[in-house]
Amino acid sequence: MKHVYSELPARPGAAPSDGHRVSVEERGSFSFAGCSCGWFAPGRRSRDKARRDAADHAAETAGEAGGAAV
């Protein structure tokens, strides 16, 4: 698994999201959580911890216009 994006497929009539797009990327034995806003978390050996980092960031930014959930 290279990338996991939080953005759902476009639905007919839905406006594109300009908000946060959170992803988890694997490089070697480490997983990195990052966001389209420039936020990133440190590399983690635990994929689950990297996903939790991404989910925490998405929850923190959900109150902003266009915030996305993982």
Protein backbone atom coordinates (compact mmCIF):
# COMPACT_ATOMS: atom_id res chain seq x y z
CA MET A 1 0.00 0.00 0.00
CA LYS A 2 1.63 3.22 -1.15
CA HIS A 3 -0.93 5.93 -0.39
CA VAL A 4 -4.18 6.10 1.53
CA TYR A 5 -6.19 9.24 0.82
CA SER A 6 -9.00 10.61 2.90
CA GLU A 7 -10.85 12.12 -0.03
CA LEU A 8 -13.87 10.13 -1.15
CA PRO A 9 -14.64 9.65 -4.85
CA ALA A 10 -16.52 12.56 -6.41
CA ARG A 11 -20.29 12.27 -6.43
CA PRO A 12 -22.39 13.81 -9.18
CA GLY A 13 -23.18 17.38 -8.19
CA ALA A 14 -20.60 17.47 -5.38
CA ALA A 15 -18.14 20.35 -5.20
CA PRO A 16 -14.44 19.44 -5.12
CA SER A 17 -12.80 19.68 -1.70
CA ASP A 18 -10.20 22.41 -1.18
CA GLY A 19 -9.62 21.25 2.40
CA HIS A 20 -7.10 18.99 4.01
CA ARG A 21 -6.16 15.80 2.21
CA VAL A 22 -4.50 13.46 4.71
CA SER A 23 -2.42 10.49 3.55
CA VAL A 24 -0.21 7.78 4.99
CA GLU A 25 2.81 6.74 2.96
CA GLU A 26 5.13 3.80 3.55
CA ARG A 27 8.87 4.13 2.95
CA GLY A 28 10.82 1.04 3.87
CA SER A 29 9.85 -0.05 7.37
CA PHE A 30 8.44 3.38 8.29
CA SER A 31 5.03 4.96 7.73
CA PHE A 32 4.61 8.72 7.44
CA ALA A 33 1.38 10.69 7.83
CA GLY A 34 1.11 13.93 5.88
CA CYS A 35 -1.44 16.47 4.72
CA SER A 36 -1.94 18.71 1.71
CA CYS A 37 -1.67 21.73 4.08
CA GLY A 38 2.00 20.92 4.75
CA TRP A 39 1.53 19.21 8.11
CA PHE A 40 3.42 15.95 8.64
CA ALA A 41 4.08 13.53 11.48
CA PRO A 42 7.36 11.79 12.29
CA GLY A 43 8.06 8.40 10.73
CA ARG A 44 6.51 5.52 12.64
CA ARG A 45 7.30 1.82 12.57
CA SER A 46 3.66 1.21 13.50
CA ARG A 47 1.25 1.76 10.59
CA ASP A 48 -1.56 2.04 13.12
CA LYS A 49 0.21 4.90 14.95
CA ALA A 50 0.77 6.74 11.65
CA ARG A 51 -2.93 6.34 10.84
CA ARG A 52 -3.84 7.66 14.30
CA ASP A 53 -1.56 10.68 13.74
CA ALA A 54 -3.39 11.35 10.47
CA ALA A 55 -6.81 10.88 12.10
CA ASP A 56 -5.87 13.23 14.94
CA HIS A 57 -4.82 15.93 12.45
CA ALA A 58 -8.02 15.45 10.45
CA ALA A 59 -10.08 15.77 13.65
CA GLU A 60 -8.21 18.94 14.66
CA THR A 61 -8.85 20.54 11.28
CA ALA A 62 -12.44 19.28 10.84
CA GLY A 63 -13.76 22.58 12.22
CA GLU A 64 -12.04 24.53 9.44
CA ALA A 65 -13.79 25.07 6.12
CA GLY A 66 -13.22 21.98 4.00
CA GLY A 67 -11.67 19.88 6.78
CA ALA A 68 -11.57 16.17 5.93
CA ALA A 69 -11.72 13.01 7.99
CA VAL A 70 -9.55 9.96 7.45
